[in-house]
Amino acid sequence: EFAAWVSGHTHVDRVAVVEGTLCTSIMSDWNHQSASLTFER
């Protein structure tokens, strides 16, 4: 079994399923304040 493809790049938390594969991305580990964030860094 394969649980997830984990990535960064987008600098936001995101999830998608591509060809049956769960793809998750995470925000960056630095004080990056994107307009799409619902909280303050």
PDB file of all heavy atoms in Angstrom:
ATOM      1  N   GLU A   1       0.829  -1.189   0.000  1.00  0.00           N
ATOM      2  CA  GLU A   1       0.000   0.000   0.000  1.00  0.00           C
ATOM      3  C   GLU A   1       0.871   1.250   0.000  1.00  0.00           C
ATOM      4  O   GLU A   1       1.988   1.245   0.504  1.00  0.00           O
ATOM      5  CB  GLU A   1      -0.923  -0.003   1.206  1.00  0.00           C
ATOM      6  CG  GLU A   1      -1.925  -1.141   1.138  1.00  0.00           C
ATOM      7  CD  GLU A   1      -2.944  -1.108   2.237  1.00  0.00           C
ATOM      8  OE1 GLU A   1      -2.777  -0.362   3.218  1.00  0.00           O
ATOM      9  OE2 GLU A   1      -3.934  -1.842   2.112  1.00  0.00           O
ATOM     10  N   PHE A   2       0.330   2.312  -0.552  1.00  0.00           N
ATOM     11  CA  PHE A   2       1.014   3.593  -0.610  1.00  0.00           C
ATOM     12  C   PHE A   2       0.060   4.621  -0.034  1.00  0.00           C
ATOM     13  O   PHE A   2      -1.041   4.811  -0.547  1.00  0.00           O
ATOM     14  CB  PHE A   2       1.378   3.931  -2.063  1.00  0.00           C
ATOM     15  CG  PHE A   2       2.190   5.177  -2.191  1.00  0.00           C
ATOM     16  CD1 PHE A   2       3.568   5.131  -2.087  1.00  0.00           C
ATOM     17  CD2 PHE A   2       1.574   6.399  -2.399  1.00  0.00           C
ATOM     18  CE1 PHE A   2       4.335   6.283  -2.195  1.00  0.00           C
ATOM     19  CE2 PHE A   2       2.320   7.567  -2.512  1.00  0.00           C
ATOM     20  CZ  PHE A   2       3.712   7.505  -2.410  1.00  0.00           C
ATOM     21  N   ALA A   3       0.473   5.304   1.044  1.00  0.00           N
ATOM     22  CA  ALA A   3      -0.446   6.200   1.750  1.00  0.00           C
ATOM     23  C   ALA A   3      -0.558   7.574   1.106  1.00  0.00           C
ATOM     24  O   ALA A   3      -1.668   8.054   0.878  1.00  0.00           O
ATOM     25  CB  ALA A   3      -0.020   6.346   3.212  1.00  0.00           C
ATOM     26  N   ALA A   4       0.570   8.242   0.809  1.00  0.00           N
ATOM     27  CA  ALA A   4       0.460   9.618   0.322  1.00  0.00           C
ATOM     28  C   ALA A   4       1.748  10.088  -0.329  1.00  0.00           C
ATOM     29  O   ALA A   4       2.840   9.683   0.041  1.00  0.00           O
ATOM     30  CB  ALA A   4       0.118  10.564   1.467  1.00  0.00           C
ATOM     31  N   TRP A   5       1.583  10.976  -1.285  1.00  0.00           N
ATOM     32  CA  TRP A   5       2.682  11.710  -1.899  1.00  0.00           C
ATOM     33  C   TRP A   5       2.718  13.050  -1.173  1.00  0.00           C
ATOM     34  O   TRP A   5       1.770  13.819  -1.220  1.00  0.00           O
ATOM     35  CB  TRP A   5       2.397  11.886  -3.378  1.00  0.00           C
ATOM     36  CG  TRP A   5       3.405  12.661  -4.170  1.00  0.00           C
ATOM     37  CD1 TRP A   5       4.323  13.561  -3.723  1.00  0.00           C
ATOM     38  CD2 TRP A   5       3.591  12.588  -5.579  1.00  0.00           C
ATOM     39  NE1 TRP A   5       5.058  14.057  -4.767  1.00  0.00           N
ATOM     40  CE2 TRP A   5       4.633  13.470  -5.925  1.00  0.00           C
ATOM     41  CE3 TRP A   5       2.967  11.873  -6.594  1.00  0.00           C
ATOM     42  CZ2 TRP A   5       5.060  13.657  -7.238  1.00  0.00           C
ATOM     43  CZ3 TRP A   5       3.397  12.056  -7.892  1.00  0.00           C
ATOM     44  CH2 TRP A   5       4.437  12.934  -8.209  1.00  0.00           C
ATOM     45  N   VAL A   6       3.799  13.332  -0.472  1.00  0.00           N
ATOM     46  CA  VAL A   6       3.916  14.535   0.343  1.00  0.00           C
ATOM     47  C   VAL A   6       4.870  15.512  -0.335  1.00  0.00           C
ATOM     48  O   VAL A   6       5.950  15.131  -0.769  1.00  0.00           O
ATOM     49  CB  VAL A   6       4.434  14.192   1.762  1.00  0.00           C
ATOM     50  CG1 VAL A   6       4.542  15.435   2.620  1.00  0.00           C
ATOM     51  CG2 VAL A   6       3.529  13.153   2.412  1.00  0.00           C
ATOM     52  N   SER A   7       4.457  16.775  -0.415  1.00  0.00           N
ATOM     53  CA  SER A   7       5.286  17.784  -1.074  1.00  0.00           C
ATOM     54  C   SER A   7       5.153  19.128  -0.365  1.00  0.00           C
ATOM     55  O   SER A   7       4.390  19.274   0.582  1.00  0.00           O
ATOM     56  CB  SER A   7       4.881  17.939  -2.542  1.00  0.00           C
ATOM     57  OG  SER A   7       3.571  18.469  -2.635  1.00  0.00           O
ATOM     58  N   GLY A   8       5.875  20.089  -0.859  1.00  0.00           N
ATOM     59  CA  GLY A   8       5.826  21.452  -0.338  1.00  0.00           C
ATOM     60  C   GLY A   8       5.491  22.399  -1.474  1.00  0.00           C
ATOM     61  O   GLY A   8       4.405  22.361  -2.022  1.00  0.00           O
ATOM     62  N   HIS A   9       6.415  23.203  -1.904  1.00  0.00           N
ATOM     63  CA  HIS A   9       6.370  24.090  -3.053  1.00  0.00           C
ATOM     64  C   HIS A   9       5.268  25.145  -3.008  1.00  0.00           C
ATOM     65  O   HIS A   9       5.527  26.316  -3.202  1.00  0.00           O
ATOM     66  CB  HIS A   9       6.295  23.315  -4.370  1.00  0.00           C
ATOM     67  CG  HIS A   9       6.365  24.201  -5.570  1.00  0.00           C
ATOM     68  ND1 HIS A   9       7.522  24.853  -5.925  1.00  0.00           N
ATOM     69  CD2 HIS A   9       5.424  24.574  -6.472  1.00  0.00           C
ATOM     70  CE1 HIS A   9       7.295  25.578  -7.006  1.00  0.00           C
ATOM     71  NE2 HIS A   9       6.045  25.440  -7.352  1.00  0.00           N
ATOM     72  N   THR A  10       4.036  24.734  -2.767  1.00  0.00           N
ATOM     73  CA  THR A  10       2.915  25.676  -2.821  1.00  0.00           C
ATOM     74  C   THR A  10       2.911  26.627  -1.627  1.00  0.00           C
ATOM     75  O   THR A  10       2.292  27.681  -1.682  1.00  0.00           O
ATOM     76  CB  THR A  10       1.576  24.928  -2.840  1.00  0.00           C
ATOM     77  OG1 THR A  10       1.481  24.140  -1.652  1.00  0.00           O
ATOM     78  CG2 THR A  10       1.460  24.039  -4.061  1.00  0.00           C
ATOM     79  N   HIS A  11       3.563  26.238  -0.551  1.00  0.00           N
ATOM     80  CA  HIS A  11       3.614  27.009   0.692  1.00  0.00           C
ATOM     81  C   HIS A  11       2.243  27.157   1.336  1.00  0.00           C
ATOM     82  O   HIS A  11       2.022  28.057   2.135  1.00  0.00           O
ATOM     83  CB  HIS A  11       4.257  28.382   0.487  1.00  0.00           C
ATOM     84  CG  HIS A  11       5.696  28.311   0.110  1.00  0.00           C
ATOM     85  ND1 HIS A  11       6.573  29.341   0.316  1.00  0.00           N
ATOM     86  CD2 HIS A  11       6.433  27.327  -0.462  1.00  0.00           C
ATOM     87  CE1 HIS A  11       7.773  29.003  -0.121  1.00  0.00           C
ATOM     88  NE2 HIS A  11       7.706  27.788  -0.602  1.00  0.00           N
ATOM     89  N   VAL A  12       1.319  26.275   0.991  1.00  0.00           N
ATOM     90  CA  VAL A  12       0.004  26.232   1.638  1.00  0.00           C
ATOM     91  C   VAL A  12      -0.362  24.775   1.880  1.00  0.00           C
ATOM     92  O   VAL A  12       0.156  23.878   1.224  1.00  0.00           O
ATOM     93  CB  VAL A  12      -1.117  26.902   0.786  1.00  0.00           C
ATOM     94  CG1 VAL A  12      -0.864  28.382   0.617  1.00  0.00           C
ATOM     95  CG2 VAL A  12      -1.269  26.229  -0.561  1.00  0.00           C
ATOM     96  N   ASP A  13      -1.264  24.545   2.835  1.00  0.00           N
ATOM     97  CA  ASP A  13      -1.782  23.202   3.065  1.00  0.00           C
ATOM     98  C   ASP A  13      -2.796  22.907   1.969  1.00  0.00           C
ATOM     99  O   ASP A  13      -3.728  23.677   1.750  1.00  0.00           O
ATOM    100  CB  ASP A  13      -2.459  23.122   4.440  1.00  0.00           C
ATOM    101  CG  ASP A  13      -1.470  23.276   5.579  1.00  0.00           C
ATOM    102  OD1 ASP A  13      -0.286  22.956   5.395  1.00  0.00           O
ATOM    103  OD2 ASP A  13      -1.899  23.711   6.665  1.00  0.00           O
ATOM    104  N   ARG A  14      -2.585  21.806   1.282  1.00  0.00           N
ATOM    105  CA  ARG A  14      -3.479  21.448   0.182  1.00  0.00           C
ATOM    106  C   ARG A  14      -3.550  19.931   0.087  1.00  0.00           C
ATOM    107  O   ARG A  14      -2.587  19.241   0.385  1.00  0.00           O
ATOM    108  CB  ARG A  14      -2.930  22.020  -1.129  1.00  0.00           C
ATOM    109  CG  ARG A  14      -3.817  21.738  -2.328  1.00  0.00           C
ATOM    110  CD  ARG A  14      -3.234  22.284  -3.613  1.00  0.00           C
ATOM    111  NE  ARG A  14      -3.159  23.730  -3.546  1.00  0.00           N
ATOM    112  CZ  ARG A  14      -2.385  24.453  -4.341  1.00  0.00           C
ATOM    113  NH1 ARG A  14      -1.623  23.889  -5.231  1.00  0.00           N
ATOM    114  NH2 ARG A  14      -2.374  25.775  -4.247  1.00  0.00           N
ATOM    115  N   VAL A  15      -4.679  19.430  -0.369  1.00  0.00           N
ATOM    116  CA  VAL A  15      -4.834  17.995  -0.585  1.00  0.00           C
ATOM    117  C   VAL A  15      -5.569  17.787  -1.897  1.00  0.00           C
ATOM    118  O   VAL A  15      -6.473  18.543  -2.260  1.00  0.00           O
ATOM    119  CB  VAL A  15      -5.581  17.314   0.589  1.00  0.00           C
ATOM    120  CG1 VAL A  15      -6.982  17.849   0.733  1.00  0.00           C
ATOM    121  CG2 VAL A  15      -5.582  15.811   0.419  1.00  0.00           C
ATOM    122  N   ALA A  16      -5.140  16.778  -2.633  1.00  0.00           N
ATOM    123  CA  ALA A  16      -5.795  16.399  -3.882  1.00  0.00           C
ATOM    124  C   ALA A  16      -5.557  14.909  -4.094  1.00  0.00           C
ATOM    125  O   ALA A  16      -4.611  14.341  -3.547  1.00  0.00           O
ATOM    126  CB  ALA A  16      -5.221  17.188  -5.055  1.00  0.00           C
ATOM    127  N   VAL A  17      -6.407  14.293  -4.887  1.00  0.00           N
ATOM    128  CA  VAL A  17      -6.203  12.907  -5.280  1.00  0.00           C
ATOM    129  C   VAL A  17      -5.938  12.920  -6.774  1.00  0.00           C
ATOM    130  O   VAL A  17      -6.750  13.418  -7.561  1.00  0.00           O
ATOM    131  CB  VAL A  17      -7.426  12.029  -4.933  1.00  0.00           C
ATOM    132  CG1 VAL A  17      -7.224  10.610  -5.438  1.00  0.00           C
ATOM    133  CG2 VAL A  17      -7.665  12.034  -3.426  1.00  0.00           C
ATOM    134  N   VAL A  18      -4.775  12.417  -7.172  1.00  0.00           N
ATOM    135  CA  VAL A  18      -4.364  12.381  -8.574  1.00  0.00           C
ATOM    136  C   VAL A  18      -4.166  10.932  -8.972  1.00  0.00           C
ATOM    137  O   VAL A  18      -3.328  10.228  -8.398  1.00  0.00           O
ATOM    138  CB  VAL A  18      -3.063  13.188  -8.794  1.00  0.00           C
ATOM    139  CG1 VAL A  18      -2.627  13.119 -10.244  1.00  0.00           C
ATOM    140  CG2 VAL A  18      -3.242  14.634  -8.355  1.00  0.00           C
ATOM    141  N   GLU A  19      -4.971  10.473  -9.924  1.00  0.00           N
ATOM    142  CA  GLU A  19      -4.920   9.086 -10.392  1.00  0.00           C
ATOM    143  C   GLU A  19      -4.943   8.093  -9.235  1.00  0.00           C
ATOM    144  O   GLU A  19      -4.173   7.133  -9.194  1.00  0.00           O
ATOM    145  CB  GLU A  19      -3.693   8.863 -11.275  1.00  0.00           C
ATOM    146  CG  GLU A  19      -3.721   9.657 -12.562  1.00  0.00           C
ATOM    147  CD  GLU A  19      -2.528   9.379 -13.459  1.00  0.00           C
ATOM    148  OE1 GLU A  19      -1.906   8.298 -13.346  1.00  0.00           O
ATOM    149  OE2 GLU A  19      -2.219  10.249 -14.286  1.00  0.00           O
ATOM    150  N   GLY A  20      -5.809   8.353  -8.257  1.00  0.00           N
ATOM    151  CA  GLY A  20      -5.967   7.461  -7.119  1.00  0.00           C
ATOM    152  C   GLY A  20      -4.930   7.629  -6.028  1.00  0.00           C
ATOM    153  O   GLY A  20      -4.967   6.916  -5.029  1.00  0.00           O
ATOM    154  N   THR A  21      -4.005   8.565  -6.194  1.00  0.00           N
ATOM    155  CA  THR A  21      -2.952   8.790  -5.198  1.00  0.00           C
ATOM    156  C   THR A  21      -3.241  10.053  -4.408  1.00  0.00           C
ATOM    157  O   THR A  21      -3.424  11.125  -4.989  1.00  0.00           O
ATOM    158  CB  THR A  21      -1.575   8.903  -5.887  1.00  0.00           C
ATOM    159  OG1 THR A  21      -1.285   7.670  -6.534  1.00  0.00           O
ATOM    160  CG2 THR A  21      -0.479   9.216  -4.889  1.00  0.00           C
ATOM    161  N   LEU A  22      -3.293   9.922  -3.082  1.00  0.00           N
ATOM    162  CA  LEU A  22      -3.468  11.067  -2.204  1.00  0.00           C
ATOM    163  C   LEU A  22      -2.206  11.915  -2.249  1.00  0.00           C
ATOM    164  O   LEU A  22      -1.106  11.417  -2.013  1.00  0.00           O
ATOM    165  CB  LEU A  22      -3.724  10.588  -0.772  1.00  0.00           C
ATOM    166  CG  LEU A  22      -3.829  11.665   0.299  1.00  0.00           C
ATOM    167  CD1 LEU A  22      -5.070  12.531   0.075  1.00  0.00           C
ATOM    168  CD2 LEU A  22      -3.847  11.031   1.684  1.00  0.00           C
ATOM    169  N   CYS A  23      -2.362  13.199  -2.591  1.00  0.00           N
ATOM    170  CA  CYS A  23      -1.235  14.141  -2.656  1.00  0.00           C
ATOM    171  C   CYS A  23      -1.486  15.245  -1.638  1.00  0.00           C
ATOM    172  O   CYS A  23      -2.500  15.934  -1.710  1.00  0.00           O
ATOM    173  CB  CYS A  23      -1.107  14.758  -4.044  1.00  0.00           C
ATOM    174  SG  CYS A  23      -0.785  13.566  -5.355  1.00  0.00           S
ATOM    175  N   THR A  24      -0.574  15.403  -0.686  1.00  0.00           N
ATOM    176  CA  THR A  24      -0.704  16.464   0.301  1.00  0.00           C
ATOM    177  C   THR A  24       0.488  17.400   0.179  1.00  0.00           C
ATOM    178  O   THR A  24       1.604  16.974  -0.083  1.00  0.00           O
ATOM    179  CB  THR A  24      -0.770  15.924   1.747  1.00  0.00           C
ATOM    180  OG1 THR A  24       0.472  15.317   2.090  1.00  0.00           O
ATOM    181  CG2 THR A  24      -1.895  14.928   1.909  1.00  0.00           C
ATOM    182  N   SER A  25       0.233  18.675   0.343  1.00  0.00           N
ATOM    183  CA  SER A  25       1.329  19.643   0.412  1.00  0.00           C
ATOM    184  C   SER A  25       1.172  20.406   1.710  1.00  0.00           C
ATOM    185  O   SER A  25       0.068  20.514   2.254  1.00  0.00           O
ATOM    186  CB  SER A  25       1.318  20.592  -0.788  1.00  0.00           C
ATOM    187  OG  SER A  25       0.151  21.379  -0.794  1.00  0.00           O
ATOM    188  N   ILE A  26       2.287  20.919   2.210  1.00  0.00           N
ATOM    189  CA  ILE A  26       2.237  21.661   3.461  1.00  0.00           C
ATOM    190  C   ILE A  26       2.824  23.046   3.261  1.00  0.00           C
ATOM    191  O   ILE A  26       3.628  23.266   2.363  1.00  0.00           O
ATOM    192  CB  ILE A  26       2.951  20.927   4.608  1.00  0.00           C
ATOM    193  CG1 ILE A  26       4.457  20.886   4.399  1.00  0.00           C
ATOM    194  CG2 ILE A  26       2.417  19.530   4.763  1.00  0.00           C
ATOM    195  CD1 ILE A  26       5.224  20.449   5.624  1.00  0.00           C
ATOM    196  N   MET A  27       2.401  23.943   4.121  1.00  0.00           N
ATOM    197  CA  MET A  27       2.937  25.301   4.064  1.00  0.00           C
ATOM    198  C   MET A  27       4.410  25.269   4.451  1.00  0.00           C
ATOM    199  O   MET A  27       4.885  24.304   5.035  1.00  0.00           O
ATOM    200  CB  MET A  27       2.156  26.222   4.978  1.00  0.00           C
ATOM    201  CG  MET A  27       2.390  25.963   6.449  1.00  0.00           C
ATOM    202  SD  MET A  27       1.613  27.164   7.498  1.00  0.00           S
ATOM    203  CE  MET A  27      -0.088  26.765   7.273  1.00  0.00           C
ATOM    204  N   SER A  28       5.104  26.300   4.138  1.00  0.00           N
ATOM    205  CA  SER A  28       6.537  26.348   4.436  1.00  0.00           C
ATOM    206  C   SER A  28       6.786  26.627   5.907  1.00  0.00           C
ATOM    207  O   SER A  28       5.944  27.187   6.605  1.00  0.00           O
ATOM    208  CB  SER A  28       7.214  27.421   3.584  1.00  0.00           C
ATOM    209  OG  SER A  28       6.687  28.690   3.894  1.00  0.00           O
ATOM    210  N   ASP A  29       7.964  26.219   6.360  1.00  0.00           N
ATOM    211  CA  ASP A  29       8.360  26.425   7.749  1.00  0.00           C
ATOM    212  C   ASP A  29       9.124  27.733   7.898  1.00  0.00           C
ATOM    213  O   ASP A  29      10.279  27.769   8.277  1.00  0.00           O
ATOM    214  CB  ASP A  29       9.220  25.249   8.234  1.00  0.00           C
ATOM    215  CG  ASP A  29       9.543  25.360   9.710  1.00  0.00           C
ATOM    216  OD1 ASP A  29       8.660  25.791  10.469  1.00  0.00           O
ATOM    217  OD2 ASP A  29      10.673  25.034  10.103  1.00  0.00           O
ATOM    218  N   TRP A  30       8.481  28.808   7.494  1.00  0.00           N
ATOM    219  CA  TRP A  30       9.014  30.153   7.716  1.00  0.00           C
ATOM    220  C   TRP A  30       7.839  31.105   7.755  1.00  0.00           C
ATOM    221  O   TRP A  30       6.726  30.738   7.390  1.00  0.00           O
ATOM    222  CB  TRP A  30      10.059  30.552   6.668  1.00  0.00           C
ATOM    223  CG  TRP A  30       9.536  30.716   5.277  1.00  0.00           C
ATOM    224  CD1 TRP A  30       9.133  29.717   4.436  1.00  0.00           C
ATOM    225  CD2 TRP A  30       9.340  31.922   4.566  1.00  0.00           C
ATOM    226  NE1 TRP A  30       8.706  30.235   3.244  1.00  0.00           N
ATOM    227  CE2 TRP A  30       8.831  31.589   3.291  1.00  0.00           C
ATOM    228  CE3 TRP A  30       9.569  33.266   4.861  1.00  0.00           C
ATOM    229  CZ2 TRP A  30       8.541  32.548   2.332  1.00  0.00           C
ATOM    230  CZ3 TRP A  30       9.267  34.207   3.896  1.00  0.00           C
ATOM    231  CH2 TRP A  30       8.771  33.847   2.651  1.00  0.00           C
ATOM    232  N   ASN A  31       8.042  32.271   8.201  1.00  0.00           N
ATOM    233  CA  ASN A  31       6.946  33.209   8.430  1.00  0.00           C
ATOM    234  C   ASN A  31       6.432  33.782   7.112  1.00  0.00           C
ATOM    235  O   ASN A  31       6.634  34.938   6.793  1.00  0.00           O
ATOM    236  CB  ASN A  31       7.413  34.323   9.369  1.00  0.00           C
ATOM    237  CG  ASN A  31       6.248  35.153   9.853  1.00  0.00           C
ATOM    238  OD1 ASN A  31       5.106  34.775   9.684  1.00  0.00           O
ATOM    239  ND2 ASN A  31       6.540  36.280  10.451  1.00  0.00           N
ATOM    240  N   HIS A  32       5.749  32.959   6.356  1.00  0.00           N
ATOM    241  CA  HIS A  32       5.182  33.342   5.070  1.00  0.00           C
ATOM    242  C   HIS A  32       3.684  33.543   5.264  1.00  0.00           C
ATOM    243  O   HIS A  32       2.975  32.607   5.594  1.00  0.00           O
ATOM    244  CB  HIS A  32       5.446  32.226   4.053  1.00  0.00           C
ATOM    245  CG  HIS A  32       4.771  32.436   2.739  1.00  0.00           C
ATOM    246  ND1 HIS A  32       5.206  33.350   1.823  1.00  0.00           N
ATOM    247  CD2 HIS A  32       3.693  31.835   2.184  1.00  0.00           C
ATOM    248  CE1 HIS A  32       4.424  33.313   0.757  1.00  0.00           C
ATOM    249  NE2 HIS A  32       3.505  32.403   0.957  1.00  0.00           N
ATOM    250  N   GLN A  33       3.205  34.759   5.079  1.00  0.00           N
ATOM    251  CA  GLN A  33       1.790  35.056   5.278  1.00  0.00           C
ATOM    252  C   GLN A  33       1.109  35.164   3.920  1.00  0.00           C
ATOM    253  O   GLN A  33       1.231  36.154   3.227  1.00  0.00           O
ATOM    254  CB  GLN A  33       1.602  36.359   6.071  1.00  0.00           C
ATOM    255  CG  GLN A  33       0.179  36.641   6.474  1.00  0.00           C
ATOM    256  CD  GLN A  33      -0.347  35.625   7.482  1.00  0.00           C
ATOM    257  OE1 GLN A  33       0.316  35.273   8.426  1.00  0.00           O
ATOM    258  NE2 GLN A  33      -1.557  35.153   7.258  1.00  0.00           N
ATOM    259  N   SER A  34       0.432  34.114   3.541  1.00  0.00           N
ATOM    260  CA  SER A  34      -0.298  34.081   2.289  1.00  0.00           C
ATOM    261  C   SER A  34      -1.707  34.627   2.507  1.00  0.00           C
ATOM    262  O   SER A  34      -2.268  34.499   3.594  1.00  0.00           O
ATOM    263  CB  SER A  34      -0.367  32.636   1.770  1.00  0.00           C
ATOM    264  OG  SER A  34      -1.297  32.519   0.738  1.00  0.00           O
ATOM    265  N   ALA A  35      -2.279  35.183   1.462  1.00  0.00           N
ATOM    266  CA  ALA A  35      -3.645  35.709   1.552  1.00  0.00           C
ATOM    267  C   ALA A  35      -4.655  34.598   1.834  1.00  0.00           C
ATOM    268  O   ALA A  35      -5.722  34.847   2.380  1.00  0.00           O
ATOM    269  CB  ALA A  35      -4.001  36.435   0.260  1.00  0.00           C
ATOM    270  N   SER A  36      -4.315  33.352   1.476  1.00  0.00           N
ATOM    271  CA  SER A  36      -5.248  32.250   1.668  1.00  0.00           C
ATOM    272  C   SER A  36      -5.217  31.678   3.087  1.00  0.00           C
ATOM    273  O   SER A  36      -6.047  30.849   3.430  1.00  0.00           O
ATOM    274  CB  SER A  36      -4.950  31.133   0.662  1.00  0.00           C
ATOM    275  OG  SER A  36      -3.670  30.577   0.920  1.00  0.00           O
ATOM    276  N   LEU A  37      -4.264  32.106   3.925  1.00  0.00           N
ATOM    277  CA  LEU A  37      -4.191  31.594   5.290  1.00  0.00           C
ATOM    278  C   LEU A  37      -5.275  32.230   6.146  1.00  0.00           C
ATOM    279  O   LEU A  37      -5.540  33.421   6.046  1.00  0.00           O
ATOM    280  CB  LEU A  37      -2.816  31.878   5.905  1.00  0.00           C
ATOM    281  CG  LEU A  37      -1.631  31.174   5.263  1.00  0.00           C
ATOM    282  CD1 LEU A  37      -0.339  31.548   5.983  1.00  0.00           C
ATOM    283  CD2 LEU A  37      -1.817  29.667   5.264  1.00  0.00           C
ATOM    284  N   THR A  38      -5.886  31.427   7.000  1.00  0.00           N
ATOM    285  CA  THR A  38      -6.959  31.919   7.866  1.00  0.00           C
ATOM    286  C   THR A  38      -6.456  32.227   9.267  1.00  0.00           C
ATOM    287  O   THR A  38      -7.240  32.422  10.178  1.00  0.00           O
ATOM    288  CB  THR A  38      -8.092  30.881   7.947  1.00  0.00           C
ATOM    289  OG1 THR A  38      -7.543  29.653   8.446  1.00  0.00           O
ATOM    290  CG2 THR A  38      -8.728  30.659   6.589  1.00  0.00           C
ATOM    291  N   PHE A  39      -5.138  32.255   9.439  1.00  0.00           N
ATOM    292  CA  PHE A  39      -4.560  32.544  10.740  1.00  0.00           C
ATOM    293  C   PHE A  39      -3.302  33.376  10.528  1.00  0.00           C
ATOM    294  O   PHE A  39      -2.772  33.462   9.437  1.00  0.00           O
ATOM    295  CB  PHE A  39      -4.224  31.253  11.496  1.00  0.00           C
ATOM    296  CG  PHE A  39      -3.480  30.265  10.659  1.00  0.00           C
ATOM    297  CD1 PHE A  39      -2.095  30.350  10.525  1.00  0.00           C
ATOM    298  CD2 PHE A  39      -4.150  29.275   9.972  1.00  0.00           C
ATOM    299  CE1 PHE A  39      -1.400  29.462   9.730  1.00  0.00           C
ATOM    300  CE2 PHE A  39      -3.462  28.379   9.162  1.00  0.00           C
ATOM    301  CZ  PHE A  39      -2.091  28.482   9.058  1.00  0.00           C
ATOM    302  N   GLU A  40      -2.851  33.992  11.595  1.00  0.00           N
ATOM    303  CA  GLU A  40      -1.686  34.876  11.540  1.00  0.00           C
ATOM    304  C   GLU A  40      -0.420  34.111  11.894  1.00  0.00           C
ATOM    305  O   GLU A  40      -0.405  33.350  12.854  1.00  0.00           O
ATOM    306  CB  GLU A  40      -1.901  36.020  12.539  1.00  0.00           C
ATOM    307  CG  GLU A  40      -1.018  37.218  12.324  1.00  0.00           C
ATOM    308  CD  GLU A  40      -1.297  37.975  11.037  1.00  0.00           C
ATOM    309  OE1 GLU A  40      -2.462  38.020  10.592  1.00  0.00           O
ATOM    310  OE2 GLU A  40      -0.340  38.520  10.481  1.00  0.00           O
ATOM    311  N   ARG A  41       0.641  34.302  11.124  1.00  0.00           N
ATOM    312  CA  ARG A  41       1.947  33.738  11.454  1.00  0.00           C
ATOM    313  C   ARG A  41       2.761  34.837  12.119  1.00  0.00           C
ATOM    314  O   ARG A  41       2.854  35.939  11.603  1.00  0.00           O
ATOM    315  CB  ARG A  41       2.622  33.221  10.199  1.00  0.00           C
ATOM    316  CG  ARG A  41       1.764  32.109   9.589  1.00  0.00           C
ATOM    317  CD  ARG A  41       2.436  31.255   8.634  1.00  0.00           C
ATOM    318  NE  ARG A  41       3.490  30.453   9.224  1.00  0.00           N
ATOM    319  CZ  ARG A  41       4.224  29.617   8.513  1.00  0.00           C
ATOM    320  NH1 ARG A  41       4.025  29.493   7.237  1.00  0.00           N
ATOM    321  NH2 ARG A  41       5.176  28.918   9.088  1.00  0.00           N
TER     322      ARG A  41
END
